[in-house]
Amino acid sequence: MTGGSYVRLEDVARHAGVSLATASRVLQGSSHRGRPEYRAKVMASAAELGYIPNPHARALAANTSDTIGLVIHDVRDPYFALIAGGAIDVATARGQFVTMACTYRDPELEARYIANLRAQRVRAIILAGSAFVDAATSKAMTTELESYYNAGGSVVSITRHRLPGDCLVVGNRSGAADLARRLVDLGHTSFALLAGTTRLVTIRDRVAGFKKGLAESGIEVDPAFEVSGTFDHDGGLRATQQLLASGRLPTCIFASNDVMALGALTALRRAGVDVPGEVSVAGFGDVVMARDFVPTLSTVHLPLEEMGAHAMELALRDERGSSPRKVTINGEVVLRESTGPAASRRRR
């Protein structure tokens, strides 16, 4: 019954083989909770069924808590730092407190954090970060969220449209496809993809969208130019160093997020490769550093702070709507100094 329909006190009593009154005394914290063996049965049944005591459910439904749980992949990543900042600004203005947890893209750790937030009876849970390609790894987390949501809690996710609650659906595929088209318009026909981890749905969608945009012009990516790495600056640096070591470079490198793209720029600068004179580089997200780096980074702009703010506003709605809201956030291609027209002299 866990993760399914709402679990009632009657369900726990029936499962434990005790009276409704006994189950109520045990779970409501009465000083007369009955025999130890009955208490053990009730607690075991409540845990197995995913039951949340009625006072908890009423507190969630009434939004009496002033704490919101914010679960992100990595606060060190400026993408998530901007989202978190936007969310916290709204919460602070509304007199709410934010408990933030970083999962470092570990689905098991994510599930444990959600279980902990649920136990703390937070008013709402916001998840900012991609789902995992392997649905089995997210099962425990989804079960926890469904139990929390069915008990009256508010859930808001960014990019995870299959979870209960409201969702900000980010146009990762469409944004990457638009970027690919703009780069092809500059004359590029040879591309490398720095994919980051392939376990994340967001990265899979960005890579798929970029390839789709190229395919419209009959361009395919050489498998030797598809390089995976950690989803950070060092990952982009090492992936680009791998390309450099091969003795072959494309005319354009697309990294699936900005911090990897900045790592690529660092590797090219250290190797004496002119950007964009020999190789163009583009990312995705438009973090602040993308605008301050030299050269400034071409990317797909996402309104990251606004996304965090909107997610928090949904979480703090006075009434949780009967029909979850799906809000689409589309990216906008921004070409800056790191990309330029392709030329035959750039090929190596």
Protein backbone atom coordinates (compact mmCIF):
# COMPACT_ATOMS: atom_id res chain seq x y z
CA MET A 1 0.00 0.00 0.00
CA THR A 2 3.04 2.28 0.37
CA GLY A 3 3.08 5.05 -2.26
CA GLY A 4 -0.47 4.22 -3.37
CA SER A 5 -3.76 5.54 -1.95
CA TYR A 6 -3.84 7.39 1.36
CA VAL A 7 -3.18 5.05 4.30
CA ARG A 8 -5.75 5.44 7.09
CA LEU A 9 -5.46 4.62 10.77
CA GLU A 10 -8.05 1.88 10.17
CA ASP A 11 -5.70 0.26 7.63
CA VAL A 12 -2.88 0.15 10.17
CA ALA A 13 -5.13 -1.33 12.89
CA ARG A 14 -6.41 -4.04 10.53
CA HIS A 15 -2.91 -4.90 9.34
CA ALA A 16 -1.60 -5.13 12.92
CA GLY A 17 -4.57 -7.14 14.16
CA VAL A 18 -5.46 -4.69 16.93
CA SER A 19 -8.42 -2.47 17.70
CA LEU A 20 -8.71 1.01 16.22
CA ALA A 21 -8.46 2.45 19.73
CA THR A 22 -5.18 0.64 20.39
CA ALA A 23 -3.67 1.79 17.10
CA SER A 24 -4.76 5.34 17.83
CA ARG A 25 -3.22 5.35 21.32
CA VAL A 26 0.10 4.03 19.96
CA LEU A 27 0.39 6.39 17.01
CA GLN A 28 -0.99 9.52 18.68
CA GLY A 29 1.56 9.34 21.50
CA SER A 30 -0.85 8.62 24.33
CA SER A 31 0.69 7.94 27.75
CA HIS A 32 -1.43 4.74 27.86
CA ARG A 33 -0.21 3.01 24.72
CA GLY A 34 -1.03 -0.56 25.74
CA ARG A 35 1.06 -3.69 25.83
CA PRO A 36 4.59 -3.63 24.35
CA GLU A 37 3.78 -6.43 21.89
CA TYR A 38 0.80 -4.45 20.56
CA ARG A 39 2.89 -1.31 20.26
CA ALA A 40 5.50 -3.24 18.28
CA LYS A 41 2.87 -4.62 15.90
CA VAL A 42 1.31 -1.21 15.31
CA MET A 43 4.63 0.51 14.69
CA ALA A 44 5.75 -2.24 12.30
CA SER A 45 2.47 -2.04 10.33
CA ALA A 46 2.62 1.75 10.18
CA ALA A 47 6.16 1.59 8.79
CA GLU A 48 5.31 -1.09 6.24
CA LEU A 49 2.21 0.74 4.99
CA GLY A 50 3.85 4.18 4.94
CA TYR A 51 1.33 5.62 7.38
CA ILE A 52 1.70 9.21 8.61
CA PRO A 53 -0.18 10.02 11.86
CA ASN A 54 -3.24 12.19 11.43
CA PRO A 55 -1.80 15.21 13.27
CA HIS A 56 1.04 15.19 10.74
CA ALA A 57 -1.37 14.95 7.83
CA ARG A 58 -3.49 17.77 9.24
CA ALA A 59 -0.42 19.93 9.74
CA LEU A 60 0.67 19.34 6.15
CA ALA A 61 -2.76 19.97 4.72
CA ALA A 62 -3.11 23.18 6.74
CA ASN A 63 0.41 24.30 5.79
CA THR A 64 1.12 25.13 9.45
CA SER A 65 4.85 24.46 9.13
CA ASP A 66 7.12 27.37 8.26
CA THR A 67 9.91 25.22 6.79
CA ILE A 68 10.38 24.16 3.16
CA GLY A 69 12.76 21.42 2.10
CA LEU A 70 14.86 22.23 -0.97
CA VAL A 71 16.69 19.27 -2.51
CA ILE A 72 19.34 20.06 -5.13
CA HIS A 73 22.14 18.14 -6.81
CA ASP A 74 25.12 20.32 -5.87
CA VAL A 75 25.20 23.79 -4.30
CA ARG A 76 28.74 24.27 -5.66
CA ASP A 77 27.34 24.18 -9.19
CA PRO A 78 26.33 27.77 -10.05
CA TYR A 79 23.29 26.44 -11.95
CA PHE A 80 21.80 25.11 -8.72
CA ALA A 81 23.13 27.98 -6.61
CA LEU A 82 21.12 30.44 -8.71
CA ILE A 83 17.96 28.32 -8.49
CA ALA A 84 18.39 28.00 -4.73
CA GLY A 85 18.96 31.74 -4.39
CA GLY A 86 15.74 32.57 -6.20
CA ALA A 87 13.78 30.10 -4.08
CA ILE A 88 15.26 31.33 -0.78
CA ASP A 89 14.53 34.98 -1.66
CA VAL A 90 10.82 34.20 -2.01
CA ALA A 91 10.74 32.08 1.14
CA THR A 92 12.45 34.80 3.17
CA ALA A 93 10.02 37.44 1.93
CA ARG A 94 7.15 35.18 3.01
CA GLY A 95 8.58 34.53 6.47
CA GLN A 96 9.48 30.91 5.69
CA PHE A 97 12.63 28.96 6.42
CA VAL A 98 14.47 26.71 3.95
CA THR A 99 16.25 23.47 4.77
CA MET A 100 18.56 22.66 1.85
CA ALA A 101 20.06 19.26 1.05
CA CYS A 102 22.65 18.40 -1.62
CA THR A 103 22.42 14.91 -3.12
CA TYR A 104 25.51 15.05 -5.38
CA ARG A 105 23.48 13.12 -7.97
CA ASP A 106 23.19 10.07 -5.73
CA PRO A 107 19.61 8.67 -5.93
CA GLU A 108 19.94 6.70 -2.69
CA LEU A 109 21.10 9.78 -0.79
CA GLU A 110 18.28 11.75 -2.37
CA ALA A 111 15.71 9.23 -1.11
CA ARG A 112 17.14 9.41 2.41
CA TYR A 113 16.98 13.21 2.42
CA ILE A 114 13.35 13.17 1.30
CA ALA A 115 12.47 10.65 4.01
CA ASN A 116 14.16 12.92 6.55
CA LEU A 117 12.32 16.02 5.35
CA ARG A 118 9.07 14.11 5.46
CA ALA A 119 9.79 13.10 9.06
CA GLN A 120 10.46 16.77 9.89
CA ARG A 121 6.93 17.63 8.69
CA VAL A 122 8.09 20.38 6.35
CA ARG A 123 5.44 22.43 4.64
CA ALA A 124 6.67 21.59 1.13
CA ILE A 125 9.45 19.78 -0.70
CA ILE A 126 11.08 21.27 -3.80
CA LEU A 127 13.33 19.12 -5.99
CA ALA A 128 15.67 21.02 -8.28
CA GLY A 129 17.60 18.61 -10.45
CA SER A 130 17.28 16.00 -13.12
CA ALA A 131 15.61 12.64 -12.75
CA PHE A 132 17.73 9.55 -13.30
CA VAL A 133 17.56 7.54 -16.51
CA ASP A 134 17.24 4.27 -14.58
CA ALA A 135 13.80 4.51 -12.99
CA ALA A 136 14.58 1.69 -10.57
CA THR A 137 17.16 3.85 -8.81
CA SER A 138 14.49 6.46 -8.08
CA LYS A 139 11.81 4.08 -6.80
CA ALA A 140 12.45 4.66 -3.09
CA MET A 141 12.47 8.42 -3.57
CA THR A 142 9.23 8.35 -5.57
CA THR A 143 7.56 6.20 -2.92
CA GLU A 144 8.51 8.67 -0.20
CA LEU A 145 7.21 11.61 -2.21
CA GLU A 146 3.93 9.91 -3.04
CA SER A 147 3.29 9.10 0.62
CA TYR A 148 4.11 12.68 1.59
CA TYR A 149 1.94 14.13 -1.18
CA ASN A 150 -1.00 11.82 -0.43
CA ALA A 151 -0.84 12.98 3.19
CA GLY A 152 -1.34 16.60 2.13
CA GLY A 153 2.21 17.81 1.57
CA SER A 154 3.14 20.10 -1.30
CA VAL A 155 5.66 18.86 -3.88
CA VAL A 156 7.27 20.97 -6.61
CA SER A 157 9.90 19.66 -9.00
CA ILE A 158 12.06 21.27 -11.64
CA THR A 159 12.29 19.05 -14.77
CA ARG A 160 10.69 15.94 -13.14
CA HIS A 161 7.24 15.90 -14.70
CA ARG A 162 6.42 12.34 -13.64
CA LEU A 163 6.50 13.02 -9.91
CA PRO A 164 3.42 13.98 -7.88
CA GLY A 165 2.74 17.69 -7.50
CA ASP A 166 3.59 20.77 -9.54
CA CYS A 167 6.45 20.87 -12.03
CA LEU A 168 8.54 23.37 -13.96
CA VAL A 169 9.21 21.59 -17.26
CA VAL A 170 12.46 22.88 -18.77
CA GLY A 171 12.81 22.78 -22.56
CA ASN A 172 16.18 21.05 -22.60
CA ARG A 173 15.66 19.27 -25.92
CA SER A 174 14.24 22.27 -27.73
CA GLY A 175 16.89 24.64 -26.37
CA ALA A 176 19.76 22.38 -27.40
CA ALA A 177 18.22 21.86 -30.84
CA ASP A 178 17.92 25.63 -31.33
CA LEU A 179 21.56 26.06 -30.34
CA ALA A 180 22.66 23.39 -32.82
CA ARG A 181 20.79 25.14 -35.63
CA ARG A 182 22.41 28.49 -34.82
CA LEU A 183 25.88 26.91 -34.83
CA VAL A 184 25.20 25.21 -38.15
CA ASP A 185 24.15 28.61 -39.50
CA LEU A 186 27.67 29.78 -38.60
CA GLY A 187 29.03 27.15 -40.96
CA HIS A 188 30.04 24.47 -38.46
CA THR A 189 29.79 20.87 -39.61
CA SER A 190 32.18 19.14 -37.19
CA PHE A 191 31.10 18.93 -33.54
CA ALA A 192 32.23 17.35 -30.28
CA LEU A 193 29.80 16.62 -27.44
CA LEU A 194 30.89 16.75 -23.81
CA ALA A 195 28.02 14.86 -22.26
CA GLY A 196 28.71 14.74 -18.55
CA THR A 197 27.04 11.84 -16.78
CA THR A 198 24.60 9.90 -18.96
CA ARG A 199 22.62 8.80 -15.87
CA LEU A 200 20.63 12.04 -15.86
CA VAL A 201 17.52 12.57 -17.98
CA THR A 202 18.37 16.27 -18.42
CA ILE A 203 21.71 15.49 -20.04
CA ARG A 204 20.21 12.77 -22.21
CA ASP A 205 17.61 15.28 -23.42
CA ARG A 206 20.14 18.03 -24.14
CA VAL A 207 22.37 15.68 -26.13
CA ALA A 208 19.39 14.25 -28.00
CA GLY A 209 18.08 17.73 -28.79
CA PHE A 210 21.48 18.92 -30.03
CA LYS A 211 21.84 15.88 -32.29
CA LYS A 212 18.33 16.44 -33.62
CA GLY A 213 19.18 20.03 -34.52
CA LEU A 214 22.30 18.84 -36.37
CA ALA A 215 20.45 16.02 -38.12
CA GLU A 216 18.08 18.53 -39.72
CA SER A 217 21.13 19.68 -41.73
CA GLY A 218 22.36 16.16 -42.37
CA ILE A 219 25.16 16.39 -39.78
CA GLU A 220 26.11 13.51 -37.51
CA VAL A 221 28.55 13.58 -34.60
CA ASP A 222 31.62 11.38 -34.96
CA PRO A 223 31.44 8.84 -32.06
CA ALA A 224 35.11 9.63 -31.35
CA PHE A 225 34.00 13.19 -30.56
CA GLU A 226 31.44 12.14 -27.92
CA VAL A 227 33.20 12.29 -24.56
CA SER A 228 31.68 11.68 -21.13
CA GLY A 229 33.03 13.09 -17.90
CA THR A 230 32.09 14.47 -14.53
CA PHE A 231 29.45 17.17 -14.61
CA ASP A 232 31.77 19.99 -13.53
CA HIS A 233 34.64 22.25 -14.64
CA ASP A 234 37.26 19.51 -14.24
CA GLY A 235 35.09 17.12 -16.23
CA GLY A 236 34.96 19.53 -19.15
CA LEU A 237 38.69 20.21 -18.87
CA ARG A 238 39.65 16.52 -18.88
CA ALA A 239 37.25 15.67 -21.70
CA THR A 240 38.74 18.43 -23.86
CA GLN A 241 42.26 17.32 -22.99
CA GLN A 242 41.24 13.89 -24.25
CA LEU A 243 40.17 15.44 -27.56
CA LEU A 244 43.44 17.37 -27.77
CA ALA A 245 45.47 14.22 -27.11
CA SER A 246 43.76 12.47 -30.03
CA GLY A 247 45.34 14.95 -32.43
CA ARG A 248 41.95 15.82 -33.93
CA LEU A 249 39.63 18.67 -33.05
CA PRO A 250 36.18 19.59 -34.36
CA THR A 251 35.39 23.17 -35.26
CA CYS A 252 32.87 23.39 -32.42
CA ILE A 253 32.49 21.85 -28.94
CA PHE A 254 29.10 21.64 -27.22
CA ALA A 255 29.11 20.92 -23.49
CA SER A 256 25.88 19.84 -21.83
CA ASN A 257 26.23 22.48 -19.13
CA ASP A 258 28.10 25.75 -18.72
CA VAL A 259 30.63 24.65 -16.12
CA MET A 260 31.83 21.84 -18.41
CA ALA A 261 32.05 24.37 -21.25
CA LEU A 262 34.17 26.66 -19.07
CA GLY A 263 36.43 23.70 -18.35
CA ALA A 264 36.74 23.14 -22.09
CA LEU A 265 37.74 26.78 -22.58
CA THR A 266 40.39 26.41 -19.88
CA ALA A 267 41.87 23.32 -21.56
CA LEU A 268 41.95 25.01 -24.97
CA ARG A 269 43.58 28.13 -23.57
CA ARG A 270 46.30 26.08 -21.85
CA ALA A 271 46.94 24.24 -25.13
CA GLY A 272 47.26 27.50 -27.07
CA VAL A 273 44.15 26.84 -29.18
CA ASP A 274 42.45 30.05 -30.27
CA VAL A 275 38.75 30.38 -29.36
CA PRO A 276 36.83 31.00 -31.52
CA GLY A 277 39.53 31.34 -34.19
CA GLU A 278 40.21 27.59 -34.31
CA VAL A 279 37.48 26.04 -32.19
CA SER A 280 34.14 27.42 -31.00
CA VAL A 281 32.66 26.41 -27.63
CA ALA A 282 29.07 26.54 -26.34
CA GLY A 283 27.31 25.44 -23.16
CA PHE A 284 23.83 25.35 -21.63
CA GLY A 285 22.21 27.23 -18.75
CA ASP A 286 23.78 30.70 -18.73
CA VAL A 287 25.29 30.86 -15.25
CA VAL A 288 26.83 34.18 -14.19
CA MET A 289 30.39 33.04 -14.97
CA ALA A 290 29.37 32.43 -18.58
CA ARG A 291 29.07 36.18 -18.99
CA ASP A 292 32.25 37.03 -17.06
CA PHE A 293 34.65 34.45 -18.50
CA VAL A 294 37.10 35.39 -21.25
CA PRO A 295 35.93 34.77 -23.89
CA THR A 296 32.31 35.12 -22.84
CA LEU A 297 30.42 31.87 -23.35
CA SER A 298 27.75 31.17 -25.93
CA THR A 299 24.95 29.18 -24.31
CA VAL A 300 21.23 28.56 -23.91
CA HIS A 301 19.92 31.06 -21.39
CA LEU A 302 17.59 29.75 -18.68
CA PRO A 303 16.05 32.18 -16.13
CA LEU A 304 17.55 30.21 -13.22
CA GLU A 305 16.76 32.59 -10.35
CA GLU A 306 13.24 33.10 -11.68
CA MET A 307 12.81 29.32 -11.90
CA GLY A 308 13.73 28.94 -8.24
CA ALA A 309 11.41 31.79 -7.27
CA HIS A 310 8.50 30.36 -9.25
CA ALA A 311 9.03 26.91 -7.74
CA MET A 312 8.85 28.41 -4.25
CA GLU A 313 5.74 30.40 -5.11
CA LEU A 314 4.04 27.19 -6.23
CA ALA A 315 5.14 25.46 -3.04
CA LEU A 316 3.67 28.25 -0.89
CA ARG A 317 0.29 28.39 -2.55
CA ASP A 318 -2.45 28.69 0.05
CA GLU A 319 -4.26 25.75 -1.48
CA ARG A 320 -2.67 22.80 -3.21
CA GLY A 321 -4.59 22.54 -6.46
CA SER A 322 -6.52 19.36 -7.23
CA SER A 323 -4.79 19.28 -10.61
CA PRO A 324 -0.99 19.69 -10.44
CA ARG A 325 0.38 22.54 -12.51
CA LYS A 326 2.91 22.02 -15.29
CA VAL A 327 4.76 25.20 -16.23
CA THR A 328 7.03 25.13 -19.27
CA ILE A 329 10.31 27.07 -19.17
CA ASN A 330 11.95 27.53 -22.57
CA GLY A 331 15.57 28.48 -23.12
CA GLU A 332 16.90 31.21 -25.39
CA VAL A 333 20.09 30.87 -27.45
CA VAL A 334 22.68 33.55 -26.66
CA LEU A 335 25.75 33.67 -28.92
CA ARG A 336 28.77 35.39 -27.40
CA GLU A 337 32.52 35.58 -27.99
CA SER A 338 33.26 31.83 -27.66
CA THR A 339 31.59 31.03 -30.98
CA GLY A 340 32.32 32.38 -34.43
CA PRO A 341 32.01 31.45 -38.09
CA ALA A 342 33.61 28.19 -39.12
CA ALA A 343 36.53 28.27 -41.54
CA SER A 344 38.44 25.52 -43.29
CA ARG A 345 41.70 26.58 -41.63
CA ARG A 346 40.29 25.57 -38.26
CA ARG A 347 40.21 21.90 -39.04
CA ARG A 348 43.01 19.79 -37.61
